[in-house]
Amino acid sequence: MTSRQRAYLKSLAMKMDPIFQVGKSSVTPELISAISEALRARELIKVSVLQNCADDPKVISEMLAERTHSQVVQVIGKKIVLYKEGKDDKKRIMLPC
């Protein structure tokens, strides 16, 4: 992913609300499968790490990206943005070259 594409995805993510929260139990298999399903449907999602989670958000983002086969767009504070290119051409986010 180029820096231009990453900047474009960051601009799209600014307007989004987090759809998942990582809490005290950190990353669970159920959370991984739910995030994978959401990435298939939306391509770009935002995840919030709650205050009661002891793990570092950067470590969580890398773990989520690895297990869902997605890419980390950004980690700001306790917010994580993930992107995975979709297979459906009609719903695909068109990234700049």
PDB file of N, CA and C in Angstrom:
ATOM      1  N   MET A   1       0.851  -1.172   0.000  1.00  0.00           N
ATOM      2  CA  MET A   1       0.000   0.000   0.000  1.00  0.00           C
ATOM      3  C   MET A   1       0.902   1.243   0.000  1.00  0.00           C
ATOM      4  N   THR A   2       0.616   2.145  -0.913  1.00  0.00           N
ATOM      5  CA  THR A   2       1.413   3.363  -0.997  1.00  0.00           C
ATOM      6  C   THR A   2       0.957   4.374   0.053  1.00  0.00           C
ATOM      7  N   SER A   3       1.765   5.392   0.286  1.00  0.00           N
ATOM      8  CA  SER A   3       1.411   6.414   1.268  1.00  0.00           C
ATOM      9  C   SER A   3       0.189   7.211   0.801  1.00  0.00           C
ATOM     10  N   ARG A   4       0.047   7.359  -0.497  1.00  0.00           N
ATOM     11  CA  ARG A   4      -1.119   8.071  -1.030  1.00  0.00           C
ATOM     12  C   ARG A   4      -2.408   7.278  -0.770  1.00  0.00           C
ATOM     13  N   GLN A   5      -2.342   5.972  -0.971  1.00  0.00           N
ATOM     14  CA  GLN A   5      -3.496   5.116  -0.705  1.00  0.00           C
ATOM     15  C   GLN A   5      -3.829   5.104   0.783  1.00  0.00           C
ATOM     16  N   ARG A   6      -2.786   5.034   1.621  1.00  0.00           N
ATOM     17  CA  ARG A   6      -2.987   5.051   3.067  1.00  0.00           C
ATOM     18  C   ARG A   6      -3.641   6.373   3.509  1.00  0.00           C
ATOM     19  N   ALA A   7      -3.198   7.490   2.934  1.00  0.00           N
ATOM     20  CA  ALA A   7      -3.772   8.794   3.269  1.00  0.00           C
ATOM     21  C   ALA A   7      -5.245   8.863   2.866  1.00  0.00           C
ATOM     22  N   TYR A   8      -5.568   8.285   1.718  1.00  0.00           N
ATOM     23  CA  TYR A   8      -6.954   8.263   1.261  1.00  0.00           C
ATOM     24  C   TYR A   8      -7.831   7.447   2.213  1.00  0.00           C
ATOM     25  N   LEU A   9      -7.331   6.283   2.627  1.00  0.00           N
ATOM     26  CA  LEU A   9      -8.094   5.448   3.561  1.00  0.00           C
ATOM     27  C   LEU A   9      -8.239   6.123   4.920  1.00  0.00           C
ATOM     28  N   LYS A  10      -7.216   6.833   5.365  1.00  0.00           N
ATOM     29  CA  LYS A  10      -7.298   7.580   6.626  1.00  0.00           C
ATOM     30  C   LYS A  10      -8.381   8.642   6.544  1.00  0.00           C
ATOM     31  N   SER A  11      -8.475   9.303   5.399  1.00  0.00           N
ATOM     32  CA  SER A  11      -9.504  10.346   5.242  1.00  0.00           C
ATOM     33  C   SER A  11     -10.905   9.745   5.273  1.00  0.00           C
ATOM     34  N   LEU A  12     -11.068   8.556   4.706  1.00  0.00           N
ATOM     35  CA  LEU A  12     -12.365   7.883   4.767  1.00  0.00           C
ATOM     36  C   LEU A  12     -12.685   7.443   6.193  1.00  0.00           C
ATOM     37  N   ALA A  13     -11.677   6.988   6.911  1.00  0.00           N
ATOM     38  CA  ALA A  13     -11.878   6.461   8.263  1.00  0.00           C
ATOM     39  C   ALA A  13     -12.193   7.552   9.275  1.00  0.00           C
ATOM     40  N   MET A  14     -11.809   8.790   8.985  1.00  0.00           N
ATOM     41  CA  MET A  14     -12.073   9.889   9.925  1.00  0.00           C
ATOM     42  C   MET A  14     -13.565  10.047  10.203  1.00  0.00           C
ATOM     43  N   LYS A  15     -14.381   9.764   9.217  1.00  0.00           N
ATOM     44  CA  LYS A  15     -15.828   9.958   9.337  1.00  0.00           C
ATOM     45  C   LYS A  15     -16.533   8.747   9.926  1.00  0.00           C
ATOM     46  N   MET A  16     -15.791   7.664  10.140  1.00  0.00           N
ATOM     47  CA  MET A  16     -16.392   6.419  10.609  1.00  0.00           C
ATOM     48  C   MET A  16     -16.418   6.341  12.135  1.00  0.00           C
ATOM     49  N   ASP A  17     -17.382   5.598  12.637  1.00  0.00           N
ATOM     50  CA  ASP A  17     -17.426   5.261  14.051  1.00  0.00           C
ATOM     51  C   ASP A  17     -16.883   3.844  14.219  1.00  0.00           C
ATOM     52  N   PRO A  18     -16.263   3.542  15.367  1.00  0.00           N
ATOM     53  CA  PRO A  18     -15.790   2.176  15.599  1.00  0.00           C
ATOM     54  C   PRO A  18     -16.964   1.199  15.641  1.00  0.00           C
ATOM     55  N   ILE A  19     -16.795   0.046  15.022  1.00  0.00           N
ATOM     56  CA  ILE A  19     -17.874  -0.944  15.032  1.00  0.00           C
ATOM     57  C   ILE A  19     -17.551  -2.120  15.944  1.00  0.00           C
ATOM     58  N   PHE A  20     -16.299  -2.176  16.442  1.00  0.00           N
ATOM     59  CA  PHE A  20     -15.911  -3.216  17.394  1.00  0.00           C
ATOM     60  C   PHE A  20     -15.151  -2.589  18.541  1.00  0.00           C
ATOM     61  N   GLN A  21     -15.214  -3.248  19.705  1.00  0.00           N
ATOM     62  CA  GLN A  21     -14.475  -2.806  20.875  1.00  0.00           C
ATOM     63  C   GLN A  21     -13.680  -3.982  21.425  1.00  0.00           C
ATOM     64  N   VAL A  22     -12.419  -3.723  21.714  1.00  0.00           N
ATOM     65  CA  VAL A  22     -11.569  -4.736  22.341  1.00  0.00           C
ATOM     66  C   VAL A  22     -11.523  -4.402  23.818  1.00  0.00           C
ATOM     67  N   GLY A  23     -11.965  -5.331  24.647  1.00  0.00           N
ATOM     68  CA  GLY A  23     -12.066  -5.076  26.074  1.00  0.00           C
ATOM     69  C   GLY A  23     -11.080  -5.874  26.899  1.00  0.00           C
ATOM     70  N   LYS A  24     -11.504  -6.187  28.103  1.00  0.00           N
ATOM     71  CA  LYS A  24     -10.659  -6.848  29.092  1.00  0.00           C
ATOM     72  C   LYS A  24     -10.138  -8.202  28.606  1.00  0.00           C
ATOM     73  N   SER A  25     -10.943  -8.936  27.859  1.00  0.00           N
ATOM     74  CA  SER A  25     -10.514 -10.258  27.390  1.00  0.00           C
ATOM     75  C   SER A  25      -9.597 -10.175  26.168  1.00  0.00           C
ATOM     76  N   SER A  26      -9.292  -8.975  25.699  1.00  0.00           N
ATOM     77  CA  SER A  26      -8.394  -8.711  24.581  1.00  0.00           C
ATOM     78  C   SER A  26      -8.911  -9.377  23.298  1.00  0.00           C
ATOM     79  N   VAL A  27      -8.039 -10.010  22.535  1.00  0.00           N
ATOM     80  CA  VAL A  27      -8.403 -10.584  21.237  1.00  0.00           C
ATOM     81  C   VAL A  27      -8.838 -12.043  21.429  1.00  0.00           C
ATOM     82  N   THR A  28     -10.088 -12.318  21.068  1.00  0.00           N
ATOM     83  CA  THR A  28     -10.641 -13.668  21.192  1.00  0.00           C
ATOM     84  C   THR A  28     -10.929 -14.220  19.798  1.00  0.00           C
ATOM     85  N   PRO A  29     -11.057 -15.535  19.672  1.00  0.00           N
ATOM     86  CA  PRO A  29     -11.396 -16.110  18.353  1.00  0.00           C
ATOM     87  C   PRO A  29     -12.723 -15.579  17.809  1.00  0.00           C
ATOM     88  N   GLU A  30     -13.677 -15.311  18.695  1.00  0.00           N
ATOM     89  CA  GLU A  30     -14.969 -14.770  18.253  1.00  0.00           C
ATOM     90  C   GLU A  30     -14.801 -13.372  17.667  1.00  0.00           C
ATOM     91  N   LEU A  31     -13.953 -12.559  18.302  1.00  0.00           N
ATOM     92  CA  LEU A  31     -13.689 -11.209  17.803  1.00  0.00           C
ATOM     93  C   LEU A  31     -13.010 -11.274  16.443  1.00  0.00           C
ATOM     94  N   ILE A  32     -12.061 -12.178  16.289  1.00  0.00           N
ATOM     95  CA  ILE A  32     -11.357 -12.334  15.010  1.00  0.00           C
ATOM     96  C   ILE A  32     -12.330 -12.698  13.894  1.00  0.00           C
ATOM     97  N   SER A  33     -13.220 -13.650  14.152  1.00  0.00           N
ATOM     98  CA  SER A  33     -14.163 -14.059  13.100  1.00  0.00           C
ATOM     99  C   SER A  33     -15.150 -12.944  12.784  1.00  0.00           C
ATOM    100  N   ALA A  34     -15.579 -12.196  13.794  1.00  0.00           N
ATOM    101  CA  ALA A  34     -16.503 -11.082  13.555  1.00  0.00           C
ATOM    102  C   ALA A  34     -15.827  -9.973  12.749  1.00  0.00           C
ATOM    103  N   ILE A  35     -14.573  -9.676  13.056  1.00  0.00           N
ATOM    104  CA  ILE A  35     -13.840  -8.647  12.312  1.00  0.00           C
ATOM    105  C   ILE A  35     -13.587  -9.111  10.877  1.00  0.00           C
ATOM    106  N   SER A  36     -13.265 -10.386  10.685  1.00  0.00           N
ATOM    107  CA  SER A  36     -13.072 -10.912   9.329  1.00  0.00           C
ATOM    108  C   SER A  36     -14.336 -10.771   8.493  1.00  0.00           C
ATOM    109  N   GLU A  37     -15.458 -11.083   9.098  1.00  0.00           N
ATOM    110  CA  GLU A  37     -16.734 -10.955   8.396  1.00  0.00           C
ATOM    111  C   GLU A  37     -17.036  -9.501   8.047  1.00  0.00           C
ATOM    112  N   ALA A  38     -16.768  -8.592   8.989  1.00  0.00           N
ATOM    113  CA  ALA A  38     -17.003  -7.169   8.740  1.00  0.00           C
ATOM    114  C   ALA A  38     -16.085  -6.646   7.634  1.00  0.00           C
ATOM    115  N   LEU A  39     -14.840  -7.103   7.607  1.00  0.00           N
ATOM    116  CA  LEU A  39     -13.915  -6.679   6.551  1.00  0.00           C
ATOM    117  C   LEU A  39     -14.367  -7.170   5.184  1.00  0.00           C
ATOM    118  N   ARG A  40     -14.940  -8.365   5.132  1.00  0.00           N
ATOM    119  CA  ARG A  40     -15.476  -8.864   3.856  1.00  0.00           C
ATOM    120  C   ARG A  40     -16.633  -7.992   3.389  1.00  0.00           C
ATOM    121  N   ALA A  41     -17.441  -7.511   4.319  1.00  0.00           N
ATOM    122  CA  ALA A  41     -18.616  -6.721   3.956  1.00  0.00           C
ATOM    123  C   ALA A  41     -18.286  -5.255   3.679  1.00  0.00           C
ATOM    124  N   ARG A  42     -17.321  -4.686   4.420  1.00  0.00           N
ATOM    125  CA  ARG A  42     -17.078  -3.244   4.350  1.00  0.00           C
ATOM    126  C   ARG A  42     -15.726  -2.821   3.807  1.00  0.00           C
ATOM    127  N   GLU A  43     -14.731  -3.666   3.848  1.00  0.00           N
ATOM    128  CA  GLU A  43     -13.352  -3.402   3.443  1.00  0.00           C
ATOM    129  C   GLU A  43     -12.575  -2.528   4.428  1.00  0.00           C
ATOM    130  N   LEU A  44     -13.191  -1.505   4.993  1.00  0.00           N
ATOM    131  CA  LEU A  44     -12.515  -0.576   5.895  1.00  0.00           C
ATOM    132  C   LEU A  44     -13.316  -0.491   7.191  1.00  0.00           C
ATOM    133  N   ILE A  45     -12.663  -0.798   8.326  1.00  0.00           N
ATOM    134  CA  ILE A  45     -13.364  -0.735   9.615  1.00  0.00           C
ATOM    135  C   ILE A  45     -12.491  -0.050  10.654  1.00  0.00           C
ATOM    136  N   LYS A  46     -13.157   0.430  11.686  1.00  0.00           N
ATOM    137  CA  LYS A  46     -12.472   1.051  12.803  1.00  0.00           C
ATOM    138  C   LYS A  46     -12.798   0.260  14.057  1.00  0.00           C
ATOM    139  N   VAL A  47     -11.765   0.010  14.874  1.00  0.00           N
ATOM    140  CA  VAL A  47     -11.888  -0.759  16.107  1.00  0.00           C
ATOM    141  C   VAL A  47     -11.407   0.114  17.252  1.00  0.00           C
ATOM    142  N   SER A  48     -12.122   0.071  18.358  1.00  0.00           N
ATOM    143  CA  SER A  48     -11.754   0.841  19.537  1.00  0.00           C
ATOM    144  C   SER A  48     -11.224  -0.095  20.619  1.00  0.00           C
ATOM    145  N   VAL A  49     -10.128   0.293  21.264  1.00  0.00           N
ATOM    146  CA  VAL A  49      -9.570  -0.469  22.379  1.00  0.00           C
ATOM    147  C   VAL A  49     -10.003   0.238  23.663  1.00  0.00           C
ATOM    148  N   LEU A  50     -10.711  -0.474  24.520  1.00  0.00           N
ATOM    149  CA  LEU A  50     -11.250   0.123  25.744  1.00  0.00           C
ATOM    150  C   LEU A  50     -10.161   0.332  26.791  1.00  0.00           C
ATOM    151  N   GLN A  51     -10.464   1.184  27.762  1.00  0.00           N
ATOM    152  CA  GLN A  51      -9.507   1.509  28.824  1.00  0.00           C
ATOM    153  C   GLN A  51      -9.131   0.287  29.657  1.00  0.00           C
ATOM    154  N   ASN A  52     -10.066  -0.655  29.838  1.00  0.00           N
ATOM    155  CA  ASN A  52      -9.792  -1.810  30.691  1.00  0.00           C
ATOM    156  C   ASN A  52      -8.973  -2.896  29.991  1.00  0.00           C
ATOM    157  N   CYS A  53      -8.580  -2.687  28.756  1.00  0.00           N
ATOM    158  CA  CYS A  53      -7.723  -3.637  28.037  1.00  0.00           C
ATOM    159  C   CYS A  53      -6.266  -3.298  28.366  1.00  0.00           C
ATOM    160  N   ALA A  54      -5.532  -4.278  28.876  1.00  0.00           N
ATOM    161  CA  ALA A  54      -4.154  -4.059  29.311  1.00  0.00           C
ATOM    162  C   ALA A  54      -3.149  -4.091  28.164  1.00  0.00           C
ATOM    163  N   ASP A  55      -3.530  -4.616  27.014  1.00  0.00           N
ATOM    164  CA  ASP A  55      -2.596  -4.758  25.893  1.00  0.00           C
ATOM    165  C   ASP A  55      -2.421  -3.443  25.131  1.00  0.00           C
ATOM    166  N   ASP A  56      -1.268  -3.312  24.490  1.00  0.00           N
ATOM    167  CA  ASP A  56      -0.945  -2.127  23.698  1.00  0.00           C
ATOM    168  C   ASP A  56      -1.745  -2.153  22.391  1.00  0.00           C
ATOM    169  N   PRO A  57      -2.380  -1.033  22.006  1.00  0.00           N
ATOM    170  CA  PRO A  57      -3.156  -1.003  20.756  1.00  0.00           C
ATOM    171  C   PRO A  57      -2.342  -1.360  19.509  1.00  0.00           C
ATOM    172  N   LYS A  58      -1.060  -1.014  19.475  1.00  0.00           N
ATOM    173  CA  LYS A  58      -0.238  -1.355  18.300  1.00  0.00           C
ATOM    174  C   LYS A  58      -0.042  -2.863  18.194  1.00  0.00           C
ATOM    175  N   VAL A  59       0.136  -3.514  19.327  1.00  0.00           N
ATOM    176  CA  VAL A  59       0.286  -4.974  19.330  1.00  0.00           C
ATOM    177  C   VAL A  59      -1.028  -5.626  18.907  1.00  0.00           C
ATOM    178  N   ILE A  60      -2.136  -5.103  19.418  1.00  0.00           N
ATOM    179  CA  ILE A  60      -3.454  -5.625  19.054  1.00  0.00           C
ATOM    180  C   ILE A  60      -3.699  -5.451  17.562  1.00  0.00           C
ATOM    181  N   SER A  61      -3.333  -4.285  17.015  1.00  0.00           N
ATOM    182  CA  SER A  61      -3.564  -4.034  15.590  1.00  0.00           C
ATOM    183  C   SER A  61      -2.775  -5.008  14.721  1.00  0.00           C
ATOM    184  N   GLU A  62      -1.521  -5.267  15.083  1.00  0.00           N
ATOM    185  CA  GLU A  62      -0.715  -6.211  14.311  1.00  0.00           C
ATOM    186  C   GLU A  62      -1.288  -7.631  14.401  1.00  0.00           C
ATOM    187  N   MET A  63      -1.771  -8.000  15.585  1.00  0.00           N
ATOM    188  CA  MET A  63      -2.358  -9.322  15.776  1.00  0.00           C
ATOM    189  C   MET A  63      -3.638  -9.464  14.953  1.00  0.00           C
ATOM    190  N   LEU A  64      -4.488  -8.427  14.975  1.00  0.00           N
ATOM    191  CA  LEU A  64      -5.734  -8.460  14.200  1.00  0.00           C
ATOM    192  C   LEU A  64      -5.442  -8.529  12.705  1.00  0.00           C
ATOM    193  N   ALA A  65      -4.482  -7.723  12.247  1.00  0.00           N
ATOM    194  CA  ALA A  65      -4.142  -7.706  10.821  1.00  0.00           C
ATOM    195  C   ALA A  65      -3.600  -9.061  10.370  1.00  0.00           C
ATOM    196  N   GLU A  66      -2.768  -9.664  11.188  1.00  0.00           N
ATOM    197  CA  GLU A  66      -2.196 -10.965  10.835  1.00  0.00           C
ATOM    198  C   GLU A  66      -3.268 -12.048  10.774  1.00  0.00           C
ATOM    199  N   ARG A  67      -4.147 -12.056  11.745  1.00  0.00           N
ATOM    200  CA  ARG A  67      -5.150 -13.120  11.826  1.00  0.00           C
ATOM    201  C   ARG A  67      -6.315 -12.938  10.863  1.00  0.00           C
ATOM    202  N   THR A  68      -6.570 -11.702  10.424  1.00  0.00           N
ATOM    203  CA  THR A  68      -7.663 -11.462   9.479  1.00  0.00           C
ATOM    204  C   THR A  68      -7.148 -11.257   8.054  1.00  0.00           C
ATOM    205  N   HIS A  69      -5.833 -11.324   7.866  1.00  0.00           N
ATOM    206  CA  HIS A  69      -5.194 -11.126   6.556  1.00  0.00           C
ATOM    207  C   HIS A  69      -5.552  -9.752   5.992  1.00  0.00           C
ATOM    208  N   SER A  70      -5.486  -8.741   6.859  1.00  0.00           N
ATOM    209  CA  SER A  70      -5.787  -7.375   6.447  1.00  0.00           C
ATOM    210  C   SER A  70      -4.554  -6.503   6.673  1.00  0.00           C
ATOM    211  N   GLN A  71      -4.696  -5.205   6.434  1.00  0.00           N
ATOM    212  CA  GLN A  71      -3.594  -4.264   6.620  1.00  0.00           C
ATOM    213  C   GLN A  71      -4.003  -3.208   7.635  1.00  0.00           C
ATOM    214  N   VAL A  72      -3.042  -2.815   8.461  1.00  0.00           N
ATOM    215  CA  VAL A  72      -3.272  -1.742   9.417  1.00  0.00           C
ATOM    216  C   VAL A  72      -3.085  -0.427   8.671  1.00  0.00           C
ATOM    217  N   VAL A  73      -4.137   0.388   8.654  1.00  0.00           N
ATOM    218  CA  VAL A  73      -4.050   1.700   8.015  1.00  0.00           C
ATOM    219  C   VAL A  73      -3.434   2.690   8.986  1.00  0.00           C
ATOM    220  N   GLN A  74      -3.944   2.690  10.230  1.00  0.00           N
ATOM    221  CA  GLN A  74      -3.396   3.584  11.246  1.00  0.00           C
ATOM    222  C   GLN A  74      -3.818   3.137  12.634  1.00  0.00           C
ATOM    223  N   VAL A  75      -3.027   3.558  13.605  1.00  0.00           N
ATOM    224  CA  VAL A  75      -3.362   3.398  15.020  1.00  0.00           C
ATOM    225  C   VAL A  75      -3.150   4.759  15.650  1.00  0.00           C
ATOM    226  N   ILE A  76      -4.233   5.365  16.120  1.00  0.00           N
ATOM    227  CA  ILE A  76      -4.156   6.654  16.804  1.00  0.00           C
ATOM    228  C   ILE A  76      -4.760   6.471  18.177  1.00  0.00           C
ATOM    229  N   GLY A  77      -3.932   6.615  19.197  1.00  0.00           N
ATOM    230  CA  GLY A  77      -4.425   6.428  20.556  1.00  0.00           C
ATOM    231  C   GLY A  77      -4.937   5.016  20.734  1.00  0.00           C
ATOM    232  N   LYS A  78      -6.223   4.899  20.986  1.00  0.00           N
ATOM    233  CA  LYS A  78      -6.840   3.585  21.187  1.00  0.00           C
ATOM    234  C   LYS A  78      -7.792   3.236  20.052  1.00  0.00           C
ATOM    235  N   LYS A  79      -7.597   3.841  18.888  1.00  0.00           N
ATOM    236  CA  LYS A  79      -8.406   3.558  17.696  1.00  0.00           C
ATOM    237  C   LYS A  79      -7.531   2.891  16.640  1.00  0.00           C
ATOM    238  N   ILE A  80      -8.047   1.819  16.054  1.00  0.00           N
ATOM    239  CA  ILE A  80      -7.343   1.049  15.034  1.00  0.00           C
ATOM    240  C   ILE A  80      -8.191   1.057  13.766  1.00  0.00           C
ATOM    241  N   VAL A  81      -7.553   1.300  12.625  1.00  0.00           N
ATOM    242  CA  VAL A  81      -8.242   1.244  11.331  1.00  0.00           C
ATOM    243  C   VAL A  81      -7.616   0.126  10.521  1.00  0.00           C
ATOM    244  N   LEU A  82      -8.463  -0.799  10.055  1.00  0.00           N
ATOM    245  CA  LEU A  82      -8.019  -1.949   9.264  1.00  0.00           C
ATOM    246  C   LEU A  82      -8.645  -1.911   7.878  1.00  0.00           C
ATOM    247  N   TYR A  83      -7.895  -2.389   6.888  1.00  0.00           N
ATOM    248  CA  TYR A  83      -8.381  -2.445   5.511  1.00  0.00           C
ATOM    249  C   TYR A  83      -8.048  -3.805   4.910  1.00  0.00           C
ATOM    250  N   LYS A  84      -9.024  -4.349   4.195  1.00  0.00           N
ATOM    251  CA  LYS A  84      -8.808  -5.576   3.427  1.00  0.00           C
ATOM    252  C   LYS A  84      -9.566  -5.431   2.117  1.00  0.00           C
ATOM    253  N   GLU A  85      -8.846  -5.555   1.018  1.00  0.00           N
ATOM    254  CA  GLU A  85      -9.464  -5.395  -0.299  1.00  0.00           C
ATOM    255  C   GLU A  85     -10.525  -6.460  -0.506  1.00  0.00           C
ATOM    256  N   GLY A  86     -11.693  -6.012  -0.956  1.00  0.00           N
ATOM    257  CA  GLY A  86     -12.812  -6.920  -1.170  1.00  0.00           C
ATOM    258  C   GLY A  86     -12.771  -7.568  -2.534  1.00  0.00           C
ATOM    259  N   LYS A  87     -13.559  -8.598  -2.676  1.00  0.00           N
ATOM    260  CA  LYS A  87     -13.624  -9.322  -3.940  1.00  0.00           C
ATOM    261  C   LYS A  87     -14.754  -8.835  -4.839  1.00  0.00           C
ATOM    262  N   ASP A  88     -15.751  -8.160  -4.257  1.00  0.00           N
ATOM    263  CA  ASP A  88     -16.901  -7.685  -5.016  1.00  0.00           C
ATOM    264  C   ASP A  88     -16.568  -6.332  -5.651  1.00  0.00           C
ATOM    265  N   ASP A  89     -16.544  -6.278  -6.989  1.00  0.00           N
ATOM    266  CA  ASP A  89     -16.184  -5.050  -7.700  1.00  0.00           C
ATOM    267  C   ASP A  89     -17.171  -3.915  -7.471  1.00  0.00           C
ATOM    268  N   LYS A  90     -18.431  -4.234  -7.203  1.00  0.00           N
ATOM    269  CA  LYS A  90     -19.446  -3.194  -7.040  1.00  0.00           C
ATOM    270  C   LYS A  90     -19.261  -2.411  -5.741  1.00  0.00           C
ATOM    271  N   LYS A  91     -18.772  -3.072  -4.686  1.00  0.00           N
ATOM    272  CA  LYS A  91     -18.631  -2.418  -3.391  1.00  0.00           C
ATOM    273  C   LYS A  91     -17.194  -2.022  -3.070  1.00  0.00           C
ATOM    274  N   ARG A  92     -16.267  -2.268  -3.961  1.00  0.00           N
ATOM    275  CA  ARG A  92     -14.850  -2.035  -3.698  1.00  0.00           C
ATOM    276  C   ARG A  92     -14.540  -0.542  -3.572  1.00  0.00           C
ATOM    277  N   ILE A  93     -13.676  -0.219  -2.610  1.00  0.00           N
ATOM    278  CA  ILE A  93     -13.172   1.147  -2.464  1.00  0.00           C
ATOM    279  C   ILE A  93     -12.107   1.355  -3.536  1.00  0.00           C
ATOM    280  N   MET A  94     -12.277   2.370  -4.336  1.00  0.00           N
ATOM    281  CA  MET A  94     -11.328   2.641  -5.408  1.00  0.00           C
ATOM    282  C   MET A  94     -10.169   3.472  -4.847  1.00  0.00           C
ATOM    283  N   LEU A  95      -9.010   2.842  -4.719  1.00  0.00           N
ATOM    284  CA  LEU A  95      -7.835   3.511  -4.185  1.00  0.00           C
ATOM    285  C   LEU A  95      -7.117   4.268  -5.289  1.00  0.00           C
ATOM    286  N   PRO A  96      -6.536   5.441  -4.960  1.00  0.00           N
ATOM    287  CA  PRO A  96      -5.743   6.152  -5.968  1.00  0.00           C
ATOM    288  C   PRO A  96      -4.464   5.386  -6.268  1.00  0.00           C
ATOM    289  N   CYS A  97      -3.932   5.581  -7.459  1.00  0.00           N
ATOM    290  CA  CYS A  97      -2.711   4.851  -7.870  1.00  0.00           C
ATOM    291  C   CYS A  97      -1.483   5.359  -7.169  1.00  0.00           C
TER     292      CYS A  97
END
